[in-house]
Amino acid sequence: MPEITIKYFAALREQAGCSEERRQTAVASAAELYRELQAEYGLSLDIQHLKVAINNQYCPLTQPLQNGDTVVFIPPVAGG
């Protein structure tokens, strides 16, 4: 089973209770991974409002995951 690293920022970090984790998962895409995390941690952000970066490159949520990938879900941010 592939092992990936997930990094959490902002509201997602608060909801997951950590800033980073390594996880073995059988999901095929970043979208499936986010749904898995939603079920486990109760993440409240809608997937349609997130961006995803895999190995430091923005990509579509449908991007397939590979063993050793680092995935970052980027929530919307507000600033002033």
Protein backbone atom coordinates (compact mmCIF):
# COMPACT_ATOMS: atom_id res chain seq x y z
CA MET A 1 0.00 0.00 0.00
CA PRO A 2 1.46 3.39 -0.95
CA GLU A 3 2.65 5.72 1.80
CA ILE A 4 2.25 9.46 1.39
CA THR A 5 2.93 12.55 3.45
CA ILE A 6 0.09 15.00 4.05
CA LYS A 7 0.66 18.57 5.21
CA TYR A 8 -2.14 20.61 6.76
CA PHE A 9 -2.45 24.39 6.92
CA ALA A 10 -4.84 26.88 8.51
CA ALA A 11 -8.31 25.49 9.34
CA LEU A 12 -7.37 22.03 8.08
CA ARG A 13 -4.46 21.87 10.54
CA GLU A 14 -6.80 22.76 13.40
CA GLN A 15 -9.40 20.19 12.37
CA ALA A 16 -6.89 17.38 11.78
CA GLY A 17 -5.07 18.17 15.02
CA CYS A 18 -1.63 18.04 13.38
CA SER A 19 0.43 19.89 10.79
CA GLU A 20 1.79 16.81 9.02
CA GLU A 21 1.34 13.06 8.91
CA ARG A 22 2.51 10.02 6.99
CA ARG A 23 -0.28 7.70 5.92
CA GLN A 24 -0.66 4.44 4.09
CA THR A 25 -3.70 4.56 1.85
CA ALA A 26 -5.25 2.69 -1.03
CA VAL A 27 -7.01 5.74 -2.52
CA ALA A 28 -6.15 6.59 -6.12
CA SER A 29 -6.43 10.40 -6.27
CA ALA A 30 -6.08 13.54 -4.20
CA ALA A 31 -9.88 13.93 -4.18
CA GLU A 32 -10.34 10.43 -2.77
CA LEU A 33 -7.68 11.16 -0.17
CA TYR A 34 -9.50 14.32 0.94
CA ARG A 35 -12.77 12.37 1.28
CA GLU A 36 -10.94 9.79 3.40
CA LEU A 37 -9.57 12.55 5.63
CA GLN A 38 -13.00 14.19 5.87
CA ALA A 39 -14.46 10.94 7.16
CA GLU A 40 -11.67 10.44 9.70
CA TYR A 41 -11.17 13.99 10.98
CA GLY A 42 -14.50 15.63 10.18
CA LEU A 43 -12.87 18.20 7.90
CA SER A 44 -15.55 20.77 7.18
CA LEU A 45 -14.18 22.52 4.10
CA ASP A 46 -15.88 21.62 0.84
CA ILE A 47 -13.48 19.99 -1.61
CA GLN A 48 -14.55 22.46 -4.31
CA HIS A 49 -12.94 25.29 -2.32
CA LEU A 50 -9.52 23.64 -2.00
CA LYS A 51 -6.41 23.66 -4.14
CA VAL A 52 -4.00 20.75 -4.00
CA ALA A 53 -0.26 20.57 -4.50
CA ILE A 54 1.54 17.27 -4.94
CA ASN A 55 5.32 17.33 -4.62
CA ASN A 56 5.32 21.16 -4.67
CA GLN A 57 3.27 21.50 -7.87
CA TYR A 58 -0.35 22.59 -8.12
CA CYS A 59 -2.42 19.92 -9.82
CA PRO A 60 -6.05 18.87 -10.30
CA LEU A 61 -7.80 16.99 -7.50
CA THR A 62 -8.08 14.07 -9.91
CA GLN A 63 -4.28 13.71 -9.94
CA PRO A 64 -3.27 10.10 -9.22
CA LEU A 65 -1.20 9.53 -6.09
CA GLN A 66 2.11 7.66 -6.06
CA ASN A 67 4.11 6.10 -3.25
CA GLY A 68 6.25 8.77 -1.57
CA ASP A 69 4.14 11.75 -2.69
CA THR A 70 3.76 14.80 -0.47
CA VAL A 71 0.22 16.20 -0.63
CA VAL A 72 -0.82 19.64 0.56
CA PHE A 73 -4.47 20.69 0.60
CA ILE A 74 -4.63 24.47 0.47
CA PRO A 75 -7.74 26.08 1.95
CA PRO A 76 -8.97 29.50 0.87
CA VAL A 77 -7.27 32.30 2.74
CA ALA A 78 -8.39 35.81 3.51
CA GLY A 79 -6.15 38.73 4.17
CA GLY A 80 -6.19 42.42 4.42
